[in-house]
PDB file of N, CA and C in Angstrom:
ATOM      1  N   MET A   1       1.532   8.508  18.113  1.00  0.00           N
ATOM      2  CA  MET A   1       1.062   7.146  17.993  1.00  0.00           C
ATOM      3  C   MET A   1      -0.150   7.116  17.047  1.00  0.00           C
ATOM      4  N   TYR A   2      -0.319   5.967  16.417  1.00  0.00           N
ATOM      5  CA  TYR A   2      -1.359   5.805  15.417  1.00  0.00           C
ATOM      6  C   TYR A   2      -2.409   4.790  15.877  1.00  0.00           C
ATOM      7  N   THR A   3      -3.593   4.928  15.322  1.00  0.00           N
ATOM      8  CA  THR A   3      -4.654   3.936  15.467  1.00  0.00           C
ATOM      9  C   THR A   3      -4.984   3.450  14.067  1.00  0.00           C
ATOM     10  N   ILE A   4      -5.007   2.120  13.908  1.00  0.00           N
ATOM     11  CA  ILE A   4      -5.331   1.545  12.604  1.00  0.00           C
ATOM     12  C   ILE A   4      -6.552   0.643  12.750  1.00  0.00           C
ATOM     13  N   HIS A   5      -7.564   0.926  11.944  1.00  0.00           N
ATOM     14  CA  HIS A   5      -8.790   0.122  11.904  1.00  0.00           C
ATOM     15  C   HIS A   5      -8.687  -0.803  10.697  1.00  0.00           C
ATOM     16  N   PHE A   6      -8.690  -2.115  10.945  1.00  0.00           N
ATOM     17  CA  PHE A   6      -8.634  -3.116   9.884  1.00  0.00           C
ATOM     18  C   PHE A   6     -10.027  -3.693   9.653  1.00  0.00           C
ATOM     19  N   LYS A   7     -10.471  -3.687   8.387  1.00  0.00           N
ATOM     20  CA  LYS A   7     -11.687  -4.389   7.972  1.00  0.00           C
ATOM     21  C   LYS A   7     -11.249  -5.451   6.973  1.00  0.00           C
ATOM     22  N   PHE A   8     -12.059  -6.490   6.819  1.00  0.00           N
ATOM     23  CA  PHE A   8     -11.690  -7.614   5.970  1.00  0.00           C
ATOM     24  C   PHE A   8     -12.816  -7.951   5.004  1.00  0.00           C
ATOM     25  N   GLU A   9     -12.457  -8.146   3.724  1.00  0.00           N
ATOM     26  CA  GLU A   9     -13.444  -8.588   2.742  1.00  0.00           C
ATOM     27  C   GLU A   9     -13.725 -10.081   2.877  1.00  0.00           C
ATOM     28  N   GLU A  10     -12.788 -10.817   3.424  1.00  0.00           N
ATOM     29  CA  GLU A  10     -12.968 -12.267   3.586  1.00  0.00           C
ATOM     30  C   GLU A  10     -14.050 -12.537   4.624  1.00  0.00           C
ATOM     31  N   LYS A  11     -15.001 -13.392   4.265  1.00  0.00           N
ATOM     32  CA  LYS A  11     -16.109 -13.709   5.154  1.00  0.00           C
ATOM     33  C   LYS A  11     -15.602 -14.346   6.445  1.00  0.00           C
ATOM     34  N   GLY A  12     -16.257 -13.991   7.539  1.00  0.00           N
ATOM     35  CA  GLY A  12     -15.943 -14.585   8.829  1.00  0.00           C
ATOM     36  C   GLY A  12     -14.863 -13.875   9.628  1.00  0.00           C
ATOM     37  N   LEU A  13     -14.248 -12.843   9.074  1.00  0.00           N
ATOM     38  CA  LEU A  13     -13.216 -12.111   9.796  1.00  0.00           C
ATOM     39  C   LEU A  13     -13.797 -10.806  10.324  1.00  0.00           C
ATOM     40  N   ALA A  14     -13.719 -10.629  11.618  1.00  0.00           N
ATOM     41  CA  ALA A  14     -14.266  -9.434  12.256  1.00  0.00           C
ATOM     42  C   ALA A  14     -13.279  -8.274  12.171  1.00  0.00           C
ATOM     43  N   PRO A  15     -13.777  -7.059  12.098  1.00  0.00           N
ATOM     44  CA  PRO A  15     -12.887  -5.894  12.097  1.00  0.00           C
ATOM     45  C   PRO A  15     -12.060  -5.851  13.384  1.00  0.00           C
ATOM     46  N   GLN A  16     -10.882  -5.264  13.270  1.00  0.00           N
ATOM     47  CA  GLN A  16     -10.002  -5.117  14.434  1.00  0.00           C
ATOM     48  C   GLN A  16      -9.416  -3.719  14.449  1.00  0.00           C
ATOM     49  N   THR A  17      -9.243  -3.181  15.634  1.00  0.00           N
ATOM     50  CA  THR A  17      -8.624  -1.880  15.810  1.00  0.00           C
ATOM     51  C   THR A  17      -7.358  -2.056  16.631  1.00  0.00           C
ATOM     52  N   ILE A  18      -6.267  -1.530  16.124  1.00  0.00           N
ATOM     53  CA  ILE A  18      -4.981  -1.583  16.820  1.00  0.00           C
ATOM     54  C   ILE A  18      -4.619  -0.152  17.201  1.00  0.00           C
ATOM     55  N   GLU A  19      -4.406   0.070  18.480  1.00  0.00           N
ATOM     56  CA  GLU A  19      -4.050   1.400  18.974  1.00  0.00           C
ATOM     57  C   GLU A  19      -2.585   1.443  19.373  1.00  0.00           C
ATOM     58  N   ASN A  20      -2.074   2.637  19.534  1.00  0.00           N
ATOM     59  CA  ASN A  20      -0.695   2.870  19.972  1.00  0.00           C
ATOM     60  C   ASN A  20       0.336   2.262  19.027  1.00  0.00           C
ATOM     61  N   CYS A  21       0.100   2.388  17.726  1.00  0.00           N
ATOM     62  CA  CYS A  21       1.053   1.910  16.728  1.00  0.00           C
ATOM     63  C   CYS A  21       2.171   2.948  16.605  1.00  0.00           C
ATOM     64  N   ALA A  22       3.389   2.489  16.674  1.00  0.00           N
ATOM     65  CA  ALA A  22       4.534   3.389  16.682  1.00  0.00           C
ATOM     66  C   ALA A  22       4.983   3.764  15.274  1.00  0.00           C
ATOM     67  N   PRO A  23       5.525   4.963  15.119  1.00  0.00           N
ATOM     68  CA  PRO A  23       6.126   5.341  13.840  1.00  0.00           C
ATOM     69  C   PRO A  23       7.263   4.385  13.475  1.00  0.00           C
ATOM     70  N   ASN A  24       7.596   4.359  12.198  1.00  0.00           N
ATOM     71  CA  ASN A  24       8.659   3.541  11.611  1.00  0.00           C
ATOM     72  C   ASN A  24       8.266   2.089  11.385  1.00  0.00           C
ATOM     73  N   ASP A  25       7.049   1.703  11.717  1.00  0.00           N
ATOM     74  CA  ASP A  25       6.522   0.390  11.348  1.00  0.00           C
ATOM     75  C   ASP A  25       5.664   0.574  10.103  1.00  0.00           C
ATOM     76  N   SER A  26       5.607  -0.452   9.269  1.00  0.00           N
ATOM     77  CA  SER A  26       4.684  -0.427   8.137  1.00  0.00           C
ATOM     78  C   SER A  26       3.342  -0.987   8.600  1.00  0.00           C
ATOM     79  N   ILE A  27       2.316  -0.774   7.807  1.00  0.00           N
ATOM     80  CA  ILE A  27       1.009  -1.347   8.131  1.00  0.00           C
ATOM     81  C   ILE A  27       1.114  -2.865   8.183  1.00  0.00           C
ATOM     82  N   LEU A  28       1.922  -3.456   7.307  1.00  0.00           N
ATOM     83  CA  LEU A  28       2.140  -4.901   7.345  1.00  0.00           C
ATOM     84  C   LEU A  28       2.747  -5.316   8.682  1.00  0.00           C
ATOM     85  N   GLU A  29       3.772  -4.609   9.137  1.00  0.00           N
ATOM     86  CA  GLU A  29       4.414  -4.957  10.411  1.00  0.00           C
ATOM     87  C   GLU A  29       3.450  -4.829  11.585  1.00  0.00           C
ATOM     88  N   VAL A  30       2.639  -3.776  11.579  1.00  0.00           N
ATOM     89  CA  VAL A  30       1.640  -3.612  12.638  1.00  0.00           C
ATOM     90  C   VAL A  30       0.678  -4.789  12.634  1.00  0.00           C
ATOM     91  N   ALA A  31       0.198  -5.161  11.451  1.00  0.00           N
ATOM     92  CA  ALA A  31      -0.737  -6.289  11.349  1.00  0.00           C
ATOM     93  C   ALA A  31      -0.117  -7.570  11.880  1.00  0.00           C
ATOM     94  N   LEU A  32       1.076  -7.896  11.426  1.00  0.00           N
ATOM     95  CA  LEU A  32       1.711  -9.152  11.835  1.00  0.00           C
ATOM     96  C   LEU A  32       2.012  -9.183  13.325  1.00  0.00           C
ATOM     97  N   LYS A  33       2.441  -8.059  13.895  1.00  0.00           N
ATOM     98  CA  LYS A  33       2.721  -7.989  15.342  1.00  0.00           C
ATOM     99  C   LYS A  33       1.466  -8.203  16.168  1.00  0.00           C
ATOM    100  N   ASN A  34       0.309  -7.953  15.554  1.00  0.00           N
ATOM    101  CA  ASN A  34      -0.957  -8.077  16.265  1.00  0.00           C
ATOM    102  C   ASN A  34      -1.790  -9.259  15.773  1.00  0.00           C
ATOM    103  N   HIS A  35      -1.126 -10.232  15.177  1.00  0.00           N
ATOM    104  CA  HIS A  35      -1.737 -11.496  14.748  1.00  0.00           C
ATOM    105  C   HIS A  35      -2.842 -11.316  13.708  1.00  0.00           C
ATOM    106  N   ILE A  36      -2.672 -10.304  12.870  1.00  0.00           N
ATOM    107  CA  ILE A  36      -3.572 -10.107  11.729  1.00  0.00           C
ATOM    108  C   ILE A  36      -2.829 -10.622  10.512  1.00  0.00           C
ATOM    109  N   LYS A  37      -3.411 -11.620   9.864  1.00  0.00           N
ATOM    110  CA  LYS A  37      -2.728 -12.259   8.749  1.00  0.00           C
ATOM    111  C   LYS A  37      -2.919 -11.453   7.464  1.00  0.00           C
ATOM    112  N   ILE A  38      -1.798 -10.983   6.933  1.00  0.00           N
ATOM    113  CA  ILE A  38      -1.753 -10.393   5.600  1.00  0.00           C
ATOM    114  C   ILE A  38      -0.637 -11.124   4.867  1.00  0.00           C
ATOM    115  N   HIS A  39      -0.962 -11.732   3.749  1.00  0.00           N
ATOM    116  CA  HIS A  39       0.064 -12.440   2.987  1.00  0.00           C
ATOM    117  C   HIS A  39       1.167 -11.476   2.578  1.00  0.00           C
ATOM    118  N   HIS A  40       2.372 -12.008   2.517  1.00  0.00           N
ATOM    119  CA  HIS A  40       3.538 -11.202   2.137  1.00  0.00           C
ATOM    120  C   HIS A  40       4.615 -12.129   1.589  1.00  0.00           C
ATOM    121  N   ASN A  41       4.345 -12.669   0.412  1.00  0.00           N
ATOM    122  CA  ASN A  41       5.209 -13.697  -0.172  1.00  0.00           C
ATOM    123  C   ASN A  41       6.651 -13.251  -0.360  1.00  0.00           C
ATOM    124  N   CYS A  42       6.896 -11.972  -0.591  1.00  0.00           N
ATOM    125  CA  CYS A  42       8.272 -11.509  -0.817  1.00  0.00           C
ATOM    126  C   CYS A  42       8.969 -11.131   0.481  1.00  0.00           C
ATOM    127  N   GLY A  43       8.271 -11.232   1.600  1.00  0.00           N
ATOM    128  CA  GLY A  43       8.882 -10.862   2.867  1.00  0.00           C
ATOM    129  C   GLY A  43       8.773  -9.377   3.178  1.00  0.00           C
ATOM    130  N   GLY A  44       7.958  -8.666   2.447  1.00  0.00           N
ATOM    131  CA  GLY A  44       7.738  -7.255   2.728  1.00  0.00           C
ATOM    132  C   GLY A  44       8.776  -6.320   2.142  1.00  0.00           C
ATOM    133  N   VAL A  45       9.303  -6.657   0.962  1.00  0.00           N
ATOM    134  CA  VAL A  45      10.344  -5.830   0.348  1.00  0.00           C
ATOM    135  C   VAL A  45       9.913  -5.235  -1.002  1.00  0.00           C
ATOM    136  N   CYS A  46       8.629  -5.121  -1.237  1.00  0.00           N
ATOM    137  CA  CYS A  46       8.084  -4.530  -2.469  1.00  0.00           C
ATOM    138  C   CYS A  46       8.550  -5.284  -3.705  1.00  0.00           C
ATOM    139  N   ALA A  47       8.371  -6.618  -3.668  1.00  0.00           N
ATOM    140  CA  ALA A  47       8.742  -7.435  -4.816  1.00  0.00           C
ATOM    141  C   ALA A  47       7.580  -8.321  -5.274  1.00  0.00           C
ATOM    142  N   CYS A  48       6.395  -8.094  -4.725  1.00  0.00           N
ATOM    143  CA  CYS A  48       5.202  -8.830  -5.161  1.00  0.00           C
ATOM    144  C   CYS A  48       3.992  -7.953  -4.828  1.00  0.00           C
ATOM    145  N   SER A  49       2.810  -8.490  -4.918  1.00  0.00           N
ATOM    146  CA  SER A  49       1.620  -7.699  -4.599  1.00  0.00           C
ATOM    147  C   SER A  49       0.706  -8.408  -3.607  1.00  0.00           C
ATOM    148  N   THR A  50       1.210  -9.417  -2.913  1.00  0.00           N
ATOM    149  CA  THR A  50       0.337 -10.197  -2.032  1.00  0.00           C
ATOM    150  C   THR A  50      -0.087  -9.452  -0.772  1.00  0.00           C
ATOM    151  N   CYS A  51       0.610  -8.383  -0.379  1.00  0.00           N
ATOM    152  CA  CYS A  51       0.217  -7.622   0.816  1.00  0.00           C
ATOM    153  C   CYS A  51      -0.664  -6.430   0.456  1.00  0.00           C
ATOM    154  N   HIS A  52      -1.264  -6.484  -0.706  1.00  0.00           N
ATOM    155  CA  HIS A  52      -2.132  -5.417  -1.219  1.00  0.00           C
ATOM    156  C   HIS A  52      -3.295  -5.161  -0.263  1.00  0.00           C
ATOM    157  N   VAL A  53      -3.534  -3.876   0.042  1.00  0.00           N
ATOM    158  CA  VAL A  53      -4.665  -3.451   0.863  1.00  0.00           C
ATOM    159  C   VAL A  53      -5.273  -2.197   0.239  1.00  0.00           C
ATOM    160  N   TYR A  54      -6.431  -1.812   0.757  1.00  0.00           N
ATOM    161  CA  TYR A  54      -7.060  -0.556   0.373  1.00  0.00           C
ATOM    162  C   TYR A  54      -6.969   0.397   1.566  1.00  0.00           C
ATOM    163  N   ILE A  55      -6.462   1.584   1.334  1.00  0.00           N
ATOM    164  CA  ILE A  55      -6.422   2.611   2.367  1.00  0.00           C
ATOM    165  C   ILE A  55      -7.695   3.442   2.188  1.00  0.00           C
ATOM    166  N   ASP A  56      -8.677   3.163   3.039  1.00  0.00           N
ATOM    167  CA  ASP A  56      -9.993   3.798   2.899  1.00  0.00           C
ATOM    168  C   ASP A  56      -9.989   5.238   3.399  1.00  0.00           C
ATOM    169  N   SER A  57      -9.234   5.482   4.435  1.00  0.00           N
ATOM    170  CA  SER A  57      -9.181   6.811   5.018  1.00  0.00           C
ATOM    171  C   SER A  57      -7.862   6.949   5.750  1.00  0.00           C
ATOM    172  N   VAL A  58      -7.256   8.107   5.597  1.00  0.00           N
ATOM    173  CA  VAL A  58      -5.983   8.316   6.288  1.00  0.00           C
ATOM    174  C   VAL A  58      -5.929   9.742   6.824  1.00  0.00           C
ATOM    175  N   ASP A  59      -5.791   9.825   8.123  1.00  0.00           N
ATOM    176  CA  ASP A  59      -5.584  11.097   8.800  1.00  0.00           C
ATOM    177  C   ASP A  59      -4.262  10.924   9.551  1.00  0.00           C
ATOM    178  N   ALA A  60      -3.216  10.677   8.776  1.00  0.00           N
ATOM    179  CA  ALA A  60      -1.922  10.335   9.354  1.00  0.00           C
ATOM    180  C   ALA A  60      -0.837  10.565   8.322  1.00  0.00           C
ATOM    181  N   ASN A  61       0.388  10.455   8.752  1.00  0.00           N
ATOM    182  CA  ASN A  61       1.535  10.588   7.862  1.00  0.00           C
ATOM    183  C   ASN A  61       2.064   9.210   7.510  1.00  0.00           C
ATOM    184  N   ILE A  62       1.835   8.777   6.263  1.00  0.00           N
ATOM    185  CA  ILE A  62       2.408   7.520   5.801  1.00  0.00           C
ATOM    186  C   ILE A  62       3.261   7.796   4.567  1.00  0.00           C
ATOM    187  N   GLU A  63       4.186   6.903   4.327  1.00  0.00           N
ATOM    188  CA  GLU A  63       5.085   7.028   3.182  1.00  0.00           C
ATOM    189  C   GLU A  63       4.270   7.164   1.898  1.00  0.00           C
ATOM    190  N   GLU A  64       4.701   8.042   1.008  1.00  0.00           N
ATOM    191  CA  GLU A  64       4.001   8.244  -0.258  1.00  0.00           C
ATOM    192  C   GLU A  64       4.203   7.060  -1.199  1.00  0.00           C
ATOM    193  N   LEU A  65       3.285   6.915  -2.119  1.00  0.00           N
ATOM    194  CA  LEU A  65       3.341   5.872  -3.133  1.00  0.00           C
ATOM    195  C   LEU A  65       4.552   6.097  -4.038  1.00  0.00           C
ATOM    196  N   SER A  66       5.390   5.077  -4.174  1.00  0.00           N
ATOM    197  CA  SER A  66       6.557   5.167  -5.062  1.00  0.00           C
ATOM    198  C   SER A  66       6.211   4.578  -6.424  1.00  0.00           C
ATOM    199  N   ASP A  67       7.033   4.871  -7.421  1.00  0.00           N
ATOM    200  CA  ASP A  67       6.829   4.295  -8.755  1.00  0.00           C
ATOM    201  C   ASP A  67       6.912   2.777  -8.713  1.00  0.00           C
ATOM    202  N   ARG A  68       7.866   2.262  -7.955  1.00  0.00           N
ATOM    203  CA  ARG A  68       8.025   0.803  -7.845  1.00  0.00           C
ATOM    204  C   ARG A  68       6.771   0.162  -7.247  1.00  0.00           C
ATOM    205  N   GLU A  69       6.263   0.748  -6.161  1.00  0.00           N
ATOM    206  CA  GLU A  69       5.051   0.219  -5.539  1.00  0.00           C
ATOM    207  C   GLU A  69       3.885   0.263  -6.523  1.00  0.00           C
ATOM    208  N   GLU A  70       3.760   1.354  -7.239  1.00  0.00           N
ATOM    209  CA  GLU A  70       2.678   1.492  -8.212  1.00  0.00           C
ATOM    210  C   GLU A  70       2.739   0.400  -9.276  1.00  0.00           C
ATOM    211  N   ASP A  71       3.946   0.038  -9.709  1.00  0.00           N
ATOM    212  CA  ASP A  71       4.104  -1.036 -10.687  1.00  0.00           C
ATOM    213  C   ASP A  71       3.571  -2.362 -10.151  1.00  0.00           C
ATOM    214  N   PHE A  72       3.824  -2.647  -8.869  1.00  0.00           N
ATOM    215  CA  PHE A  72       3.347  -3.905  -8.296  1.00  0.00           C
ATOM    216  C   PHE A  72       1.850  -3.865  -8.004  1.00  0.00           C
ATOM    217  N   ILE A  73       1.325  -2.706  -7.653  1.00  0.00           N
ATOM    218  CA  ILE A  73      -0.124  -2.591  -7.433  1.00  0.00           C
ATOM    219  C   ILE A  73      -0.877  -2.925  -8.710  1.00  0.00           C
ATOM    220  N   ASP A  74      -0.316  -2.556  -9.856  1.00  0.00           N
ATOM    221  CA  ASP A  74      -0.953  -2.879 -11.135  1.00  0.00           C
ATOM    222  C   ASP A  74      -1.116  -4.386 -11.320  1.00  0.00           C
ATOM    223  N   ARG A  75      -0.329  -5.185 -10.619  1.00  0.00           N
ATOM    224  CA  ARG A  75      -0.394  -6.647 -10.725  1.00  0.00           C
ATOM    225  C   ARG A  75      -1.286  -7.277  -9.656  1.00  0.00           C
ATOM    226  N   ALA A  76      -1.785  -6.473  -8.725  1.00  0.00           N
ATOM    227  CA  ALA A  76      -2.606  -6.989  -7.629  1.00  0.00           C
ATOM    228  C   ALA A  76      -3.992  -7.374  -8.123  1.00  0.00           C
ATOM    229  N   ARG A  77      -4.676  -8.191  -7.340  1.00  0.00           N
ATOM    230  CA  ARG A  77      -6.057  -8.543  -7.647  1.00  0.00           C
ATOM    231  C   ARG A  77      -6.953  -7.364  -7.307  1.00  0.00           C
ATOM    232  N   ASN A  78      -7.803  -6.981  -8.214  1.00  0.00           N
ATOM    233  CA  ASN A  78      -8.796  -5.927  -8.017  1.00  0.00           C
ATOM    234  C   ASN A  78      -8.202  -4.621  -7.482  1.00  0.00           C
ATOM    235  N   PRO A  79      -7.201  -4.070  -8.155  1.00  0.00           N
ATOM    236  CA  PRO A  79      -6.649  -2.800  -7.668  1.00  0.00           C
ATOM    237  C   PRO A  79      -7.662  -1.663  -7.831  1.00  0.00           C
ATOM    238  N   LYS A  80      -7.579  -0.708  -6.909  1.00  0.00           N
ATOM    239  CA  LYS A  80      -8.428   0.486  -6.933  1.00  0.00           C
ATOM    240  C   LYS A  80      -7.528   1.703  -6.752  1.00  0.00           C
ATOM    241  N   LEU A  81      -8.094   2.867  -6.844  1.00  0.00           N
ATOM    242  CA  LEU A  81      -7.320   4.088  -6.618  1.00  0.00           C
ATOM    243  C   LEU A  81      -6.762   4.138  -5.194  1.00  0.00           C
ATOM    244  N   SER A  82      -7.428   3.476  -4.253  1.00  0.00           N
ATOM    245  CA  SER A  82      -6.991   3.479  -2.856  1.00  0.00           C
ATOM    246  C   SER A  82      -6.020   2.339  -2.535  1.00  0.00           C
ATOM    247  N   SER A  83      -5.600   1.582  -3.547  1.00  0.00           N
ATOM    248  CA  SER A  83      -4.707   0.441  -3.332  1.00  0.00           C
ATOM    249  C   SER A  83      -3.314   0.877  -2.903  1.00  0.00           C
ATOM    250  N   ARG A  84      -2.760   0.119  -1.964  1.00  0.00           N
ATOM    251  CA  ARG A  84      -1.372   0.284  -1.531  1.00  0.00           C
ATOM    252  C   ARG A  84      -0.837  -1.096  -1.183  1.00  0.00           C
ATOM    253  N   LEU A  85       0.470  -1.217  -1.110  1.00  0.00           N
ATOM    254  CA  LEU A  85       1.098  -2.418  -0.583  1.00  0.00           C
ATOM    255  C   LEU A  85       1.364  -2.134   0.889  1.00  0.00           C
ATOM    256  N   SER A  86       0.848  -2.976   1.755  1.00  0.00           N
ATOM    257  CA  SER A  86       0.960  -2.693   3.194  1.00  0.00           C
ATOM    258  C   SER A  86       2.412  -2.661   3.658  1.00  0.00           C
ATOM    259  N   CYS A  87       3.300  -3.354   2.954  1.00  0.00           N
ATOM    260  CA  CYS A  87       4.721  -3.334   3.330  1.00  0.00           C
ATOM    261  C   CYS A  87       5.369  -1.990   3.047  1.00  0.00           C
ATOM    262  N   GLN A  88       4.748  -1.172   2.201  1.00  0.00           N
ATOM    263  CA  GLN A  88       5.312   0.115   1.817  1.00  0.00           C
ATOM    264  C   GLN A  88       4.634   1.298   2.518  1.00  0.00           C
ATOM    265  N   CYS A  89       3.611   1.036   3.301  1.00  0.00           N
ATOM    266  CA  CYS A  89       2.904   2.094   4.031  1.00  0.00           C
ATOM    267  C   CYS A  89       3.564   2.294   5.380  1.00  0.00           C
ATOM    268  N   LEU A  90       4.687   2.952   5.368  1.00  0.00           N
ATOM    269  CA  LEU A  90       5.461   3.202   6.578  1.00  0.00           C
ATOM    270  C   LEU A  90       4.829   4.352   7.356  1.00  0.00           C
ATOM    271  N   LEU A  91       4.631   4.147   8.653  1.00  0.00           N
ATOM    272  CA  LEU A  91       4.102   5.196   9.515  1.00  0.00           C
ATOM    273  C   LEU A  91       5.232   6.170   9.822  1.00  0.00           C
ATOM    274  N   LEU A  92       5.072   7.392   9.376  1.00  0.00           N
ATOM    275  CA  LEU A  92       6.087   8.414   9.605  1.00  0.00           C
ATOM    276  C   LEU A  92       5.871   9.050  10.976  1.00  0.00           C
ATOM    277  N   ASN A  93       6.781   9.911  11.402  1.00  0.00           N
ATOM    278  CA  ASN A  93       6.631  10.574  12.695  1.00  0.00           C
ATOM    279  C   ASN A  93       5.311  11.328  12.741  1.00  0.00           C
ATOM    280  N   GLY A  94       4.626  11.202  13.843  1.00  0.00           N
ATOM    281  CA  GLY A  94       3.345  11.867  14.005  1.00  0.00           C
ATOM    282  C   GLY A  94       2.340  10.922  14.630  1.00  0.00           C
ATOM    283  N   SER A  95       1.075  11.219  14.392  1.00  0.00           N
ATOM    284  CA  SER A  95       0.002  10.386  14.925  1.00  0.00           C
ATOM    285  C   SER A  95      -1.202  10.540  14.015  1.00  0.00           C
ATOM    286  N   GLY A  96      -2.213   9.723  14.239  1.00  0.00           N
ATOM    287  CA  GLY A  96      -3.417   9.808  13.433  1.00  0.00           C
ATOM    288  C   GLY A  96      -4.143   8.482  13.352  1.00  0.00           C
ATOM    289  N   THR A  97      -5.111   8.440  12.466  1.00  0.00           N
ATOM    290  CA  THR A  97      -5.964   7.268  12.293  1.00  0.00           C
ATOM    291  C   THR A  97      -5.937   6.833  10.833  1.00  0.00           C
ATOM    292  N   ILE A  98      -5.877   5.517  10.629  1.00  0.00           N
ATOM    293  CA  ILE A  98      -5.869   4.951   9.283  1.00  0.00           C
ATOM    294  C   ILE A  98      -6.921   3.849   9.226  1.00  0.00           C
ATOM    295  N   GLU A  99      -7.738   3.865   8.179  1.00  0.00           N
ATOM    296  CA  GLU A  99      -8.719   2.804   7.957  1.00  0.00           C
ATOM    297  C   GLU A  99      -8.258   1.980   6.763  1.00  0.00           C
ATOM    298  N   VAL A 100      -8.095   0.682   6.995  1.00  0.00           N
ATOM    299  CA  VAL A 100      -7.551  -0.235   6.001  1.00  0.00           C
ATOM    300  C   VAL A 100      -8.552  -1.355   5.750  1.00  0.00           C
ATOM    301  N   THR A 101      -8.772  -1.677   4.478  1.00  0.00           N
ATOM    302  CA  THR A 101      -9.542  -2.872   4.132  1.00  0.00           C
ATOM    303  C   THR A 101      -8.587  -3.872   3.505  1.00  0.00           C
ATOM    304  N   VAL A 102      -8.590  -5.089   4.057  1.00  0.00           N
ATOM    305  CA  VAL A 102      -7.760  -6.171   3.530  1.00  0.00           C
ATOM    306  C   VAL A 102      -8.621  -6.985   2.566  1.00  0.00           C
ATOM    307  N   PRO A 103      -8.240  -7.037   1.274  1.00  0.00           N
ATOM    308  CA  PRO A 103      -9.010  -7.824   0.313  1.00  0.00           C
ATOM    309  C   PRO A 103      -9.045  -9.301   0.713  1.00  0.00           C
ATOM    310  N   ASP A 104      -9.991 -10.012   0.178  1.00  0.00           N
ATOM    311  CA  ASP A 104     -10.082 -11.459   0.422  1.00  0.00           C
ATOM    312  C   ASP A 104      -8.791 -12.125  -0.038  1.00  0.00           C
ATOM    313  N   GLN A 105      -8.085 -12.739   0.877  1.00  0.00           N
ATOM    314  CA  GLN A 105      -6.815 -13.383   0.573  1.00  0.00           C
ATOM    315  C   GLN A 105      -6.906 -14.910   0.554  1.00  0.00           C
ATOM    316  N   SER A 106      -8.125 -15.429   0.581  1.00  0.00           N
ATOM    317  CA  SER A 106      -8.309 -16.874   0.676  1.00  0.00           C
ATOM    318  C   SER A 106      -7.791 -17.625  -0.549  1.00  0.00           C
ATOM    319  N   GLN A 107      -7.611 -16.953  -1.674  1.00  0.00           N
ATOM    320  CA  GLN A 107      -7.111 -17.612  -2.878  1.00  0.00           C
ATOM    321  C   GLN A 107      -5.613 -17.433  -3.089  1.00  0.00           C
ATOM    322  N   ILE A 108      -4.939 -16.751  -2.165  1.00  0.00           N
ATOM    323  CA  ILE A 108      -3.501 -16.542  -2.286  1.00  0.00           C
ATOM    324  C   ILE A 108      -2.781 -17.709  -1.642  1.00  0.00           C
ATOM    325  N   HIS A 109      -1.833 -18.273  -2.355  1.00  0.00           N
ATOM    326  CA  HIS A 109      -1.061 -19.401  -1.834  1.00  0.00           C
ATOM    327  C   HIS A 109       0.331 -18.933  -1.456  1.00  0.00           C
ATOM    328  N   GLY A 110       0.908 -19.625  -0.505  1.00  0.00           N
ATOM    329  CA  GLY A 110       2.271 -19.299  -0.081  1.00  0.00           C
ATOM    330  C   GLY A 110       2.270 -18.334   1.063  1.00  0.00           C
ATOM    331  N   GLU A 111       3.414 -17.849   1.392  1.00  0.00           N
ATOM    332  CA  GLU A 111       3.575 -16.864   2.460  1.00  0.00           C
ATOM    333  C   GLU A 111       4.721 -16.025   2.091  1.00  0.00           C
TER     334      GLU A 111
END
């Protein structure tokens, strides 16, 4: 099982920690199941960059960055070396801790 610590760049949002996250869920799925809003205009199929997050620290097994994901990260707002698409960060078998920062999404329209 995994523990994911979510921090938010958007003002007024408090950090949240989600424990007992099961393998085979993406970080996006974990967030949505726990009422953490992360935009995902394409529905979580790696066809946009609205679910862009920063993986600050990872002591866990998550799916590696694919070429396709990297192409969409290049289109995200303020990409960094730690950028990932939360829909593509699949929790693999195992356990660990992941620290995620969600960029300010207040200017993103749609869902």
